[in-house]
C-alpha cells in the first residue's frame, strides 16, 4: 500500500495502479481508505472525474486521520476543476492546515491556481513556488502550468513557454489542459493560427472550469478575426461572465474592439477603460492603443495623444507600429506635420506587415499636399507590387494617383506617366475607386 502511494509520488503510475487496485480489493479496513484516496487522486490526474469523486468521497467518509487531509485536498482540486470555488476553497484551506505533507502540497498548488484566477498574484506565486519545490509528481506539473501562465501574465514569455511545454509533456490531464490553453494563446500571438486553434479547441473540450474561460476568450478573439462575429461575441460574453480575474480583462478588450467595429464608441470606451484598470499585461497594450483610436473618433484627440505616444515607443512588435501609425494620423489632423511625419517614420521603420505600408501611404499623401513630390514617390516605390492585401492596394493606388495628378500639375510629365503606370498595375490588385481606363487616359497625355 505505502509502496503504491510512493510510486504515484515518483510518477511510476502503472505499478502504482496495480498495487493500489490490489489493496482496494483486499477488503482490509486499514488499507482500503488509503487505496481509495490514492486511486482517486490518480483518476483525477487522468481526467476520470466520476471515479475520482466516488473514491475520494468514500475515503473522506472513512475518517482515517492520515487519509482525510489527502481526500480533502483532492476533492478541493476536483471542485476547482468543476467551478465550485467556495467548496474548493473550504476543502483546500482545511487540507493546508493539516500538516500532512502531500495534502499540503496538493492544497498549495490548487489554492495557488485559485489565487491566480482571482488576481491575487503575490499569494499565487508564493503557493505555486512552494508546490513546485515539493517534488510530488501529482503536484509539480500543475505548479509548472500555473507558474507558466503567471509568467506570461507578467510578460516573461520565454520562461512561460518553457514551464508550459514541460507541463504539456507530463501527461497530467489538468496540467496538460492548462498548458494547452496558454500555449494556444501564445501561438496566436506568434501568428501560428492553426496550432493556436488546435490547442485551444482541445483545452475547451476538456471541460476544466479553470481552463474553459481562457479557451473561450482566445477562440472568441479568433472568431472575430475570421469574421464570425456572432460566434466571437458569444464566446467572449461567456468568458466575461466566468469572473476569472485573468480572463475578464481579455474579454473586455476584445468586446471593446468589437464595439468600436460596430460604431458603439461609448461602450467601447467603457470596456477598454475597465481593461486598463487591470494589470494584465497580455492585453494592456492593445487596449491602450484601441482606446486611443476610440478617443480620436470621439474628437478627444488631446486625451488620446499620451496613450498613443506611450505605445508608439513601447517597442511592442505589434501595438508599437499600430500606435505609431494612429499617432501620425492624429497629429496630421492637428496640423502637426513634422511630428506626424516622425510618428509615421516610427511605423515605417518597424517593418510591420500592415502598419508600415499604411504609414508609407499616408505620409506620402501628406508630402504630396506639401509639394514634396519626389520624397512622396520614394516612399511609395516599395508599394508598386502589392497583391496580397486588396485594401492596401486600393490605398496605394489612390496615393499614386494623387501623386500622378500633382506631377501633371507641375508639368513633370515623365514622372506623371511613371506614377499613372503604377496606378494601372495596382488596378489589377484592387479594381475600385479609380478605373484602369481613367489612369490610361491620363498617362497617354
Protein backbone atom coordinates (compact mmCIF):
# COMPACT_ATOMS: atom_id res chain seq x y z
CA UNK A 1 0.00 0.00 0.00
CA UNK A 2 2.65 2.51 1.04
CA UNK A 3 4.71 1.43 -1.97
CA UNK A 4 1.76 2.18 -4.29
CA UNK A 5 1.40 5.69 -2.86
CA UNK A 6 5.16 6.25 -3.13
CA UNK A 7 5.12 5.17 -6.77
CA UNK A 8 2.46 7.79 -7.55
CA UNK A 9 4.71 10.34 -5.88
CA UNK A 10 7.61 9.37 -8.17
CA UNK A 11 5.43 9.10 -11.29
CA UNK A 12 5.51 5.30 -11.82
CA UNK A 13 1.75 5.17 -12.37
CA UNK A 14 1.46 1.72 -13.93
CA UNK A 15 2.97 -0.10 -10.95
CA UNK A 16 1.18 2.21 -8.54
CA UNK A 17 -2.20 1.40 -10.06
CA UNK A 18 -1.59 -2.36 -9.90
CA UNK A 19 -0.63 -2.29 -6.22
CA UNK A 20 -3.42 0.10 -5.22
CA UNK A 21 -6.13 -1.86 -7.05
CA UNK A 22 -4.97 -4.96 -5.22
CA UNK A 23 -5.17 -3.12 -1.91
CA UNK A 24 -8.64 -1.78 -2.76
CA UNK A 25 -9.88 -5.30 -3.48
CA UNK A 26 -8.40 -6.73 -0.30
CA UNK A 27 -11.30 -5.65 1.91
CA UNK A 28 -8.85 -4.73 4.66
CA UNK A 29 -10.40 -1.78 6.53
CA UNK A 30 -6.95 -0.47 7.40
CA UNK A 31 -5.69 -0.23 3.81
CA UNK A 32 -8.82 0.36 1.71
CA UNK A 33 -9.23 4.08 2.58
CA UNK A 34 -5.60 4.78 1.63
CA UNK A 35 -6.09 2.87 -1.63
CA UNK A 36 -9.26 4.87 -2.28
CA UNK A 37 -7.61 8.26 -1.79
CA UNK A 38 -4.61 7.40 -3.94
CA UNK A 39 -6.65 5.84 -6.73
CA UNK A 40 -8.98 8.83 -6.53
CA UNK A 41 -6.01 11.16 -6.94
CA UNK A 42 -4.84 9.08 -9.89
CA UNK A 43 -8.30 9.18 -11.50
CA UNK A 44 -8.37 12.97 -11.04
CA UNK A 45 -4.96 13.27 -12.68
CA UNK A 46 -6.18 11.23 -15.66
CA UNK A 47 -9.48 13.10 -16.00
CA UNK A 48 -11.82 10.31 -14.85
CA UNK A 49 -13.87 12.68 -12.68
CA UNK A 50 -16.76 10.35 -11.82
CA UNK A 51 -14.45 7.66 -10.45
CA UNK A 52 -12.33 10.28 -8.69
CA UNK A 53 -15.40 11.72 -6.96
CA UNK A 54 -16.68 8.31 -5.84
CA UNK A 55 -13.31 7.12 -4.46
CA UNK A 56 -12.44 10.39 -2.74
CA UNK A 57 -15.81 10.79 -1.04
CA UNK A 58 -15.53 7.22 0.24
CA UNK A 59 -12.03 7.93 1.55
CA UNK A 60 -13.20 11.13 3.24
CA UNK A 61 -16.04 9.25 4.93
CA UNK A 62 -13.69 6.64 6.38
CA UNK A 63 -12.42 9.16 8.93
CA UNK A 64 -8.78 7.95 8.82
CA UNK A 65 -6.57 10.80 10.11
CA UNK A 66 -3.89 10.01 7.52
CA UNK A 67 -6.40 9.80 4.67
CA UNK A 68 -8.83 12.64 5.33
CA UNK A 69 -6.41 15.53 4.51
CA UNK A 70 -5.50 13.89 1.18
CA UNK A 71 -9.18 13.34 0.39
CA UNK A 72 -9.91 16.99 1.23
CA UNK A 73 -7.05 18.23 -0.94
CA UNK A 74 -8.07 16.13 -3.94
CA UNK A 75 -11.79 16.88 -3.55
CA UNK A 76 -10.85 20.56 -3.39
CA UNK A 77 -8.93 20.16 -6.65
CA UNK A 78 -11.96 18.39 -8.16
CA UNK A 79 -14.31 21.19 -7.00
CA UNK A 80 -11.95 23.78 -8.51
CA UNK A 81 -11.96 21.91 -11.80
CA UNK A 82 -15.77 21.83 -11.77
CA UNK A 83 -16.03 25.55 -10.93
CA UNK A 84 -17.35 25.20 -7.36
CA UNK A 85 -14.93 27.78 -5.97
CA UNK A 86 -16.28 28.13 -2.45
CA UNK A 87 -16.29 24.39 -1.77
CA UNK A 88 -12.83 24.18 -3.31
CA UNK A 89 -11.53 26.97 -1.07
CA UNK A 90 -13.00 25.43 2.09
CA UNK A 91 -11.61 21.95 1.42
CA UNK A 92 -8.18 23.20 0.34
CA UNK A 93 -7.71 25.62 3.24
CA UNK A 94 -8.57 22.79 5.65
CA UNK A 95 -6.05 20.48 3.93
CA UNK A 96 -3.41 23.21 4.03
CA UNK A 97 -3.70 23.43 7.81
CA UNK A 98 -3.50 19.66 8.31
CA UNK A 99 0.30 19.39 8.32
CA UNK A 100 0.09 16.30 6.09
CA UNK A 101 2.97 16.89 3.66
CA UNK A 102 1.33 15.56 0.49
CA UNK A 103 -2.03 17.14 1.31
CA UNK A 104 -0.29 20.46 1.93
CA UNK A 105 1.47 20.29 -1.46
CA UNK A 106 -1.80 19.49 -3.23
CA UNK A 107 -3.60 22.27 -1.36
CA UNK A 108 -0.85 24.76 -2.21
CA UNK A 109 -0.93 24.13 -5.95
CA UNK A 110 -4.72 24.38 -6.14
CA UNK A 111 -5.01 27.39 -3.85
CA UNK A 112 -2.29 28.97 -5.98
CA UNK A 113 -4.37 28.32 -9.08
CA UNK A 114 -7.41 29.80 -7.32
CA UNK A 115 -5.42 32.89 -6.27
CA UNK A 116 -4.22 33.31 -9.86
CA UNK A 117 -7.80 33.09 -11.11
CA UNK A 118 -8.89 35.73 -8.58
CA UNK A 119 -5.99 38.06 -9.35
CA UNK A 120 -4.08 37.68 -6.05
CA UNK A 121 -0.75 37.29 -7.83
CA UNK A 122 1.59 37.52 -4.85
CA UNK A 123 -0.20 34.72 -2.98
CA UNK A 124 -0.43 32.68 -6.18
CA UNK A 125 3.32 32.96 -6.79
CA UNK A 126 4.19 32.05 -3.19
CA UNK A 127 1.93 29.00 -3.09
CA UNK A 128 2.89 27.73 -6.56
CA UNK A 129 6.63 28.05 -5.99
CA UNK A 130 6.30 26.13 -2.71
CA UNK A 131 4.30 23.43 -4.53
CA UNK A 132 6.90 23.24 -7.31
CA UNK A 133 9.59 22.58 -4.72
CA UNK A 134 7.69 19.63 -3.23
CA UNK A 135 8.87 17.15 -5.87
CA UNK A 136 5.44 15.45 -5.84
CA UNK A 137 4.70 14.07 -9.33
CA UNK A 138 0.99 14.75 -8.76
CA UNK A 139 1.66 18.40 -7.94
CA UNK A 140 4.69 19.58 -9.93
CA UNK A 141 3.02 19.58 -13.40
CA UNK A 142 0.16 21.75 -12.12
CA UNK A 143 2.62 24.10 -10.44
CA UNK A 144 4.55 24.37 -13.71
CA UNK A 145 1.40 25.04 -15.73
CA UNK A 146 0.15 27.73 -13.37
CA UNK A 147 3.56 29.38 -12.96
CA UNK A 148 3.83 29.35 -16.77
CA UNK A 149 0.51 31.19 -17.01
CA UNK A 150 1.69 33.64 -14.35
CA UNK A 151 4.96 34.25 -16.23
CA UNK A 152 3.02 35.06 -19.42
CA UNK A 153 0.84 37.45 -17.47
CA UNK A 154 3.98 39.14 -16.14
CA UNK A 155 5.35 39.45 -19.69
CA UNK A 156 8.11 36.83 -19.25
CA UNK A 157 7.29 34.92 -22.42
CA UNK A 158 10.30 32.61 -22.62
CA UNK A 159 10.01 31.44 -19.00
CA UNK A 160 6.27 30.95 -19.51
CA UNK A 161 6.79 28.94 -22.68
CA UNK A 162 9.40 26.71 -21.04
CA UNK A 163 7.24 25.92 -18.00
CA UNK A 164 4.14 25.27 -20.12
CA UNK A 165 5.91 22.98 -22.57
CA UNK A 166 7.26 20.94 -19.65
CA UNK A 167 3.76 20.70 -18.16
CA UNK A 168 2.35 19.66 -21.57
CA UNK A 169 4.66 16.63 -21.63
CA UNK A 170 3.70 15.50 -18.12
CA UNK A 171 0.56 13.53 -19.01
CA UNK A 172 -1.23 15.12 -16.03
CA UNK A 173 -4.68 15.84 -17.50
CA UNK A 174 -5.31 19.18 -15.75
CA UNK A 175 -1.75 20.40 -16.31
CA UNK A 176 -2.00 19.42 -19.97
CA UNK A 177 -5.26 21.36 -20.37
CA UNK A 178 -3.80 24.45 -18.73
CA UNK A 179 -0.62 24.19 -20.80
CA UNK A 180 -2.66 23.80 -23.98
CA UNK A 181 -4.80 26.88 -23.38
CA UNK A 182 -1.84 29.11 -22.60
CA UNK A 183 0.39 27.75 -25.36
CA UNK A 184 -2.57 28.14 -27.74
CA UNK A 185 -2.90 31.79 -26.79
CA UNK A 186 0.85 32.21 -27.25
CA UNK A 187 0.71 30.54 -30.69
CA UNK A 188 -1.99 33.02 -31.79
CA UNK A 189 0.17 35.90 -30.58
CA UNK A 190 3.10 34.48 -32.58
CA UNK A 191 0.94 34.24 -35.72
CA UNK A 192 0.68 30.42 -35.74
CA UNK A 193 -3.11 30.40 -36.09
CA UNK A 194 -3.75 26.74 -36.85
CA UNK A 195 -1.59 25.49 -33.98
CA UNK A 196 -3.28 28.00 -31.68
CA UNK A 197 -6.76 26.94 -32.79
CA UNK A 198 -5.95 23.23 -32.32
CA UNK A 199 -4.55 23.70 -28.80
CA UNK A 200 -7.41 25.96 -27.71
CA UNK A 201 -10.15 23.66 -29.02
CA UNK A 202 -8.54 20.72 -27.23
CA UNK A 203 -8.42 22.74 -24.00
CA UNK A 204 -12.05 23.81 -24.39
CA UNK A 205 -13.13 20.23 -24.94
CA UNK A 206 -11.51 19.08 -21.69
CA UNK A 207 -14.24 20.89 -19.73
CA UNK A 208 -11.96 22.08 -16.90
CA UNK A 209 -13.65 25.14 -15.35
CA UNK A 210 -10.25 26.68 -14.66
CA UNK A 211 -9.30 26.42 -18.34
CA UNK A 212 -12.55 26.91 -20.28
CA UNK A 213 -12.82 30.73 -19.87
CA UNK A 214 -9.28 31.24 -21.22
CA UNK A 215 -10.06 28.98 -24.18
CA UNK A 216 -13.30 30.86 -24.80
CA UNK A 217 -11.70 34.31 -24.79
CA UNK A 218 -8.96 33.30 -27.22
CA UNK A 219 -11.27 31.35 -29.53
CA UNK A 220 -13.68 34.30 -29.39
CA UNK A 221 -10.95 36.69 -30.49
CA UNK A 222 -10.01 34.24 -33.26
CA UNK A 223 -13.65 34.01 -34.42
CA UNK A 224 -13.81 37.82 -34.69
CA UNK A 225 -10.60 37.76 -36.69
CA UNK A 226 -12.14 35.15 -39.01
CA UNK A 227 -15.25 37.33 -39.49
CA UNK A 228 -17.58 35.11 -37.44
CA UNK A 229 -18.92 37.93 -35.29
CA UNK A 230 -21.78 36.16 -33.55
CA UNK A 231 -19.68 33.17 -32.51
CA UNK A 232 -16.96 35.56 -31.33
CA UNK A 233 -19.43 37.64 -29.33
CA UNK A 234 -20.98 34.54 -27.72
CA UNK A 235 -17.61 33.12 -26.64
CA UNK A 236 -16.37 36.46 -25.31
CA UNK A 237 -19.55 37.14 -23.33
CA UNK A 238 -19.30 33.65 -21.80
CA UNK A 239 -15.68 34.28 -20.86
CA UNK A 240 -16.58 37.67 -19.37
CA UNK A 241 -19.27 36.07 -17.22
CA UNK A 242 -16.89 33.48 -15.76
CA UNK A 243 -15.38 36.07 -13.43
CA UNK A 244 -11.78 34.85 -13.88
CA UNK A 245 -9.53 37.83 -13.00
CA UNK A 246 -7.05 36.86 -15.71
CA UNK A 247 -9.67 36.36 -18.41
CA UNK A 248 -12.10 39.23 -17.74
CA UNK A 249 -9.73 42.00 -18.97
CA UNK A 250 -9.04 39.98 -22.12
CA UNK A 251 -12.77 39.60 -22.80
CA UNK A 252 -13.32 43.30 -22.12
CA UNK A 253 -10.54 44.29 -24.53
CA UNK A 254 -11.92 42.14 -27.34
CA UNK A 255 -15.53 43.16 -26.74
CA UNK A 256 -14.35 46.78 -26.68
CA UNK A 257 -12.69 46.30 -30.07
CA UNK A 258 -15.93 44.72 -31.35
CA UNK A 259 -17.98 47.65 -30.04
CA UNK A 260 -15.61 50.01 -31.88
CA UNK A 261 -16.03 47.99 -35.06
CA UNK A 262 -19.82 48.25 -34.69
CA UNK A 263 -19.69 52.01 -34.04
CA UNK A 264 -20.71 51.90 -30.37
CA UNK A 265 -17.96 54.24 -29.17
CA UNK A 266 -19.36 54.76 -25.67
CA UNK A 267 -19.49 51.01 -24.91
CA UNK A 268 -16.05 50.57 -26.48
CA UNK A 269 -14.64 53.29 -24.26
CA UNK A 270 -16.22 51.85 -21.11
CA UNK A 271 -14.94 48.32 -21.78
CA UNK A 272 -11.43 49.47 -22.69
CA UNK A 273 -11.15 51.74 -19.67
CA UNK A 274 -12.16 48.79 -17.48
CA UNK A 275 -9.43 46.75 -19.18
CA UNK A 276 -6.81 49.41 -18.40
CA UNK A 277 -7.81 49.28 -14.74
CA UNK A 278 -6.45 45.71 -14.61
CA UNK A 279 -2.77 44.76 -14.53
CA UNK A 280 -2.95 42.03 -17.19
CA UNK A 281 -0.04 42.88 -19.47
CA UNK A 282 -1.32 40.42 -22.09
CA UNK A 283 -3.98 42.94 -23.13
CA UNK A 284 -2.95 46.33 -21.75
CA UNK A 285 -1.03 47.43 -24.84
CA UNK A 286 -3.76 46.53 -27.32
CA UNK A 287 -6.43 48.08 -25.07
CA UNK A 288 -4.43 51.30 -24.69
CA UNK A 289 -3.95 51.66 -28.46
CA UNK A 290 -7.59 50.82 -29.24
CA UNK A 291 -8.79 53.28 -26.60
CA UNK A 292 -6.59 55.91 -28.27
CA UNK A 293 -8.41 55.23 -31.55
CA UNK A 294 -11.81 55.41 -29.84
CA UNK A 295 -10.92 58.79 -28.32
CA UNK A 296 -9.72 60.05 -31.72
CA UNK A 297 -13.06 59.10 -33.25
CA UNK A 298 -14.90 60.83 -30.41
CA UNK A 299 -12.95 64.02 -31.10
CA UNK A 300 -10.91 63.79 -27.89
CA UNK A 301 -7.50 63.95 -29.53
CA UNK A 302 -5.72 65.52 -26.58
CA UNK A 303 -6.81 62.65 -24.34
CA UNK A 304 -5.76 60.10 -26.96
CA UNK A 305 -2.34 61.68 -27.51
CA UNK A 306 -0.48 60.42 -24.39
CA UNK A 307 -1.91 56.90 -24.81
CA UNK A 308 -0.68 56.65 -28.39
CA UNK A 309 2.67 58.33 -27.70
CA UNK A 310 3.44 55.85 -24.91
CA UNK A 311 2.57 52.82 -27.05
CA UNK A 312 4.29 54.12 -30.19
CA UNK A 313 7.61 53.99 -28.35
CA UNK A 314 6.88 50.87 -26.32
CA UNK A 315 8.91 48.53 -28.52
CA UNK A 316 5.99 46.10 -28.74
CA UNK A 317 6.23 44.33 -32.11
CA UNK A 318 2.53 44.71 -32.92
CA UNK A 319 1.00 47.54 -30.90
CA UNK A 320 4.03 49.82 -31.24
CA UNK A 321 3.68 50.20 -35.05
CA UNK A 322 -0.11 50.38 -34.81
CA UNK A 323 0.05 53.16 -32.21
CA UNK A 324 2.73 55.00 -34.22
CA UNK A 325 0.52 54.95 -37.31
CA UNK A 326 -2.52 56.19 -35.38
CA UNK A 327 -0.38 58.86 -33.73
CA UNK A 328 0.67 60.03 -37.18
CA UNK A 329 -2.98 60.25 -38.21
CA UNK A 330 -3.89 62.21 -35.07
CA UNK A 331 -1.01 64.68 -35.41
CA UNK A 332 -1.73 65.17 -39.10
CA UNK A 333 -5.35 66.02 -38.24
CA UNK A 334 -4.00 68.53 -35.71
CA UNK A 335 -1.81 70.13 -38.43
CA UNK A 336 1.34 68.96 -36.62
CA UNK A 337 3.10 67.99 -39.84
CA UNK A 338 6.63 67.41 -38.54
CA UNK A 339 5.50 65.38 -35.54
CA UNK A 340 3.12 63.41 -37.75
CA UNK A 341 5.99 62.52 -40.09
CA UNK A 342 8.11 61.44 -37.12
CA UNK A 343 5.31 59.13 -35.97
CA UNK A 344 4.76 57.71 -39.46
CA UNK A 345 8.51 57.08 -39.69
CA UNK A 346 8.40 55.03 -36.49
CA UNK A 347 5.73 52.81 -38.04
CA UNK A 348 7.61 52.56 -41.35
CA UNK A 349 10.89 51.64 -39.65
CA UNK A 350 9.16 48.82 -37.75
CA UNK A 351 8.66 46.87 -40.97
CA UNK A 352 5.27 45.69 -39.68
CA UNK A 353 3.37 43.89 -42.45
CA UNK A 354 0.30 46.14 -42.11
CA UNK A 355 1.18 49.38 -40.32
CA UNK A 356 4.46 50.08 -42.13
CA UNK A 357 2.87 50.22 -45.62
CA UNK A 358 -0.14 52.15 -44.30
CA UNK A 359 2.22 54.70 -42.80
CA UNK A 360 4.08 54.95 -46.12
CA UNK A 361 0.83 55.64 -47.97
CA UNK A 362 -0.44 58.29 -45.58
CA UNK A 363 2.92 60.01 -45.12
CA UNK A 364 3.27 60.12 -48.90
CA UNK A 365 -0.18 61.71 -49.17
CA UNK A 366 0.89 64.32 -46.60
CA UNK A 367 4.07 65.05 -48.58
CA UNK A 368 2.04 65.47 -51.78
CA UNK A 369 -0.11 68.15 -50.10
CA UNK A 370 3.11 69.91 -49.09
CA UNK A 371 4.53 69.72 -52.62
CA UNK A 372 7.33 67.31 -51.71
CA UNK A 373 6.61 65.05 -54.67
CA UNK A 374 9.98 63.31 -55.04
CA UNK A 375 10.00 62.41 -51.36
CA UNK A 376 6.44 61.05 -51.69
CA UNK A 377 7.46 59.00 -54.71
CA UNK A 378 10.39 57.47 -52.78
CA UNK A 379 8.01 56.40 -50.01
CA UNK A 380 5.56 54.78 -52.44
CA UNK A 381 8.11 52.94 -54.59
CA UNK A 382 8.13 49.79 -52.38
CA UNK A 383 4.34 49.55 -52.78
CA UNK A 384 4.05 49.09 -56.54
CA UNK A 385 3.52 45.32 -56.36
CA UNK A 386 1.04 44.89 -53.51
CA UNK A 387 -1.17 41.98 -54.44
CA UNK A 388 -1.89 40.12 -51.20
CA UNK A 389 -3.94 42.82 -49.44
CA UNK A 390 -6.68 44.43 -51.51
CA UNK A 391 -7.32 47.27 -49.04
CA UNK A 392 -3.65 48.26 -49.05
CA UNK A 393 -3.52 48.02 -52.82
CA UNK A 394 -6.54 50.32 -53.12
CA UNK A 395 -5.00 52.88 -50.79
CA UNK A 396 -1.63 52.68 -52.56
CA UNK A 397 -3.41 53.14 -55.89
CA UNK A 398 -5.15 56.26 -54.60
CA UNK A 399 -1.86 57.66 -53.28
CA UNK A 400 -0.09 57.01 -56.61
CA UNK A 401 -3.00 58.62 -58.48
CA UNK A 402 -2.80 61.75 -56.29
CA UNK A 403 0.95 61.89 -56.87
CA UNK A 404 0.49 61.46 -60.63
CA UNK A 405 -2.01 64.34 -60.77
CA UNK A 406 0.39 66.51 -58.74
CA UNK A 407 3.20 65.72 -61.20
CA UNK A 408 0.79 66.61 -64.03
CA UNK A 409 0.00 69.95 -62.39
CA UNK A 410 3.73 70.74 -62.17
CA UNK A 411 4.21 69.64 -65.83
CA UNK A 412 6.55 66.87 -64.74
CA UNK A 413 5.04 64.60 -67.35
CA UNK A 414 7.60 61.79 -67.40
CA UNK A 415 7.20 61.30 -63.67
CA UNK A 416 3.41 61.53 -64.06
CA UNK A 417 3.48 58.74 -66.66
CA UNK A 418 5.50 56.53 -64.27
CA UNK A 419 3.01 57.20 -61.47
CA UNK A 420 -0.02 56.50 -63.68
CA UNK A 421 1.63 53.26 -64.80
CA UNK A 422 1.76 52.18 -61.18
CA UNK A 423 -1.93 53.05 -60.83
CA UNK A 424 -2.72 50.75 -63.75
CA UNK A 425 -0.67 47.93 -62.21
CA UNK A 426 -2.39 48.32 -58.85
CA UNK A 427 -5.82 48.24 -60.50
CA UNK A 428 -5.26 44.53 -61.08
CA UNK A 429 -4.92 44.00 -57.31
CA UNK A 430 -7.73 46.38 -56.27
CA UNK A 431 -10.05 47.34 -59.16
CA UNK A 432 -12.08 50.07 -57.45
CA UNK A 433 -12.19 53.86 -56.86
CA UNK A 434 -10.07 54.65 -59.95
CA UNK A 435 -10.65 52.74 -63.17
CA UNK A 436 -7.88 51.40 -65.32
CA UNK A 437 -9.33 53.36 -68.22
CA UNK A 438 -9.08 56.66 -66.33
CA UNK A 439 -5.43 56.04 -65.48
CA UNK A 440 -4.64 55.04 -69.07
CA UNK A 441 -6.28 58.19 -70.46
CA UNK A 442 -4.30 60.30 -68.00
CA UNK A 443 -0.99 58.57 -68.74
CA UNK A 444 -1.41 58.96 -72.52
CA UNK A 445 -1.10 62.73 -72.35
